[in-house]
């Protein structure tokens, strides 16, 4: 979201003024677009806190 904050800061420097509602909806839209681009590049987006299970790595962790 740092990129979106930079976009807003740059717009404010040039006199653009956004309502809080516009900022929130724009932030959500920007995040969704970024997720699509990452998916297209081959990345998989997982929810925060999700722990992927890998039996081999769990065995290594127990050593």
C-alpha atoms as a PDB file:
ATOM      1  CA  UNK A   1       0.000   0.000   0.000  1.00  0.00           C
ATOM      2  CA  UNK A   2       3.069   2.193   0.136  1.00  0.00           C
ATOM      3  CA  UNK A   3       2.792   2.785  -3.606  1.00  0.00           C
ATOM      4  CA  UNK A   4      -0.818   3.943  -3.246  1.00  0.00           C
ATOM      5  CA  UNK A   5       0.190   6.315  -0.433  1.00  0.00           C
ATOM      6  CA  UNK A   6       2.896   7.758  -2.695  1.00  0.00           C
ATOM      7  CA  UNK A   7       0.346   8.241  -5.487  1.00  0.00           C
ATOM      8  CA  UNK A   8      -1.973  10.108  -3.100  1.00  0.00           C
ATOM      9  CA  UNK A   9       0.859  12.266  -1.754  1.00  0.00           C
ATOM     10  CA  UNK A  10       1.914  13.200  -5.279  1.00  0.00           C
ATOM     11  CA  UNK A  11      -1.682  14.054  -6.213  1.00  0.00           C
ATOM     12  CA  UNK A  12      -2.024  16.240  -3.091  1.00  0.00           C
ATOM     13  CA  UNK A  13       1.149  18.132  -4.019  1.00  0.00           C
ATOM     14  CA  UNK A  14      -0.489  18.945  -7.343  1.00  0.00           C
ATOM     15  CA  UNK A  15      -3.673  20.239  -5.712  1.00  0.00           C
ATOM     16  CA  UNK A  16      -5.896  17.173  -6.035  1.00  0.00           C
ATOM     17  CA  UNK A  17      -8.216  16.628  -3.080  1.00  0.00           C
ATOM     18  CA  UNK A  18      -9.941  13.304  -2.417  1.00  0.00           C
ATOM     19  CA  UNK A  19     -12.736  12.462   0.015  1.00  0.00           C
ATOM     20  CA  UNK A  20     -11.997   9.775   2.609  1.00  0.00           C
ATOM     21  CA  UNK A  21     -14.489   7.496   0.838  1.00  0.00           C
ATOM     22  CA  UNK A  22     -12.629   7.934  -2.459  1.00  0.00           C
ATOM     23  CA  UNK A  23      -9.326   7.116  -0.788  1.00  0.00           C
ATOM     24  CA  UNK A  24     -10.713   3.910   0.745  1.00  0.00           C
ATOM     25  CA  UNK A  25     -12.347   2.712  -2.478  1.00  0.00           C
ATOM     26  CA  UNK A  26      -9.251   3.628  -4.493  1.00  0.00           C
ATOM     27  CA  UNK A  27      -7.060   1.759  -2.041  1.00  0.00           C
ATOM     28  CA  UNK A  28      -9.185  -1.374  -2.373  1.00  0.00           C
ATOM     29  CA  UNK A  29      -9.197  -1.101  -6.174  1.00  0.00           C
ATOM     30  CA  UNK A  30      -5.423  -0.541  -6.269  1.00  0.00           C
ATOM     31  CA  UNK A  31      -4.841  -3.592  -4.049  1.00  0.00           C
ATOM     32  CA  UNK A  32      -7.097  -5.795  -6.209  1.00  0.00           C
ATOM     33  CA  UNK A  33      -5.300  -4.664  -9.382  1.00  0.00           C
ATOM     34  CA  UNK A  34      -1.925  -5.369  -7.762  1.00  0.00           C
ATOM     35  CA  UNK A  35      -3.084  -8.878  -6.777  1.00  0.00           C
ATOM     36  CA  UNK A  36      -4.131  -9.558 -10.382  1.00  0.00           C
ATOM     37  CA  UNK A  37      -0.733  -8.432 -11.667  1.00  0.00           C
ATOM     38  CA  UNK A  38       1.052 -10.650  -9.133  1.00  0.00           C
ATOM     39  CA  UNK A  39      -1.135 -13.613 -10.113  1.00  0.00           C
ATOM     40  CA  UNK A  40      -0.322 -13.000 -13.780  1.00  0.00           C
ATOM     41  CA  UNK A  41       3.382 -13.029 -12.864  1.00  0.00           C
ATOM     42  CA  UNK A  42       2.976 -16.460 -11.256  1.00  0.00           C
ATOM     43  CA  UNK A  43       2.645 -15.540  -7.582  1.00  0.00           C
ATOM     44  CA  UNK A  44      -0.051 -16.984  -5.340  1.00  0.00           C
ATOM     45  CA  UNK A  45      -1.754 -14.664  -2.865  1.00  0.00           C
ATOM     46  CA  UNK A  46      -2.671 -16.290   0.458  1.00  0.00           C
ATOM     47  CA  UNK A  47      -4.556 -14.752   3.389  1.00  0.00           C
ATOM     48  CA  UNK A  48      -2.545 -13.410   6.329  1.00  0.00           C
ATOM     49  CA  UNK A  49      -1.997 -16.057   8.965  1.00  0.00           C
ATOM     50  CA  UNK A  50      -2.430 -18.975   6.577  1.00  0.00           C
ATOM     51  CA  UNK A  51       0.099 -21.697   7.257  1.00  0.00           C
ATOM     52  CA  UNK A  52       0.819 -23.923   4.315  1.00  0.00           C
ATOM     53  CA  UNK A  53       1.356 -27.568   5.252  1.00  0.00           C
ATOM     54  CA  UNK A  54       4.430 -29.382   4.039  1.00  0.00           C
ATOM     55  CA  UNK A  55       5.116 -32.764   5.675  1.00  0.00           C
ATOM     56  CA  UNK A  56       8.813 -32.710   4.750  1.00  0.00           C
ATOM     57  CA  UNK A  57       9.395 -29.265   6.280  1.00  0.00           C
ATOM     58  CA  UNK A  58       7.495 -30.204   9.438  1.00  0.00           C
ATOM     59  CA  UNK A  59       9.821 -33.200   9.872  1.00  0.00           C
ATOM     60  CA  UNK A  60      12.850 -30.925   9.473  1.00  0.00           C
ATOM     61  CA  UNK A  61      11.473 -28.515  12.075  1.00  0.00           C
ATOM     62  CA  UNK A  62      11.210 -31.332  14.630  1.00  0.00           C
ATOM     63  CA  UNK A  63      14.937 -32.147  14.388  1.00  0.00           C
END
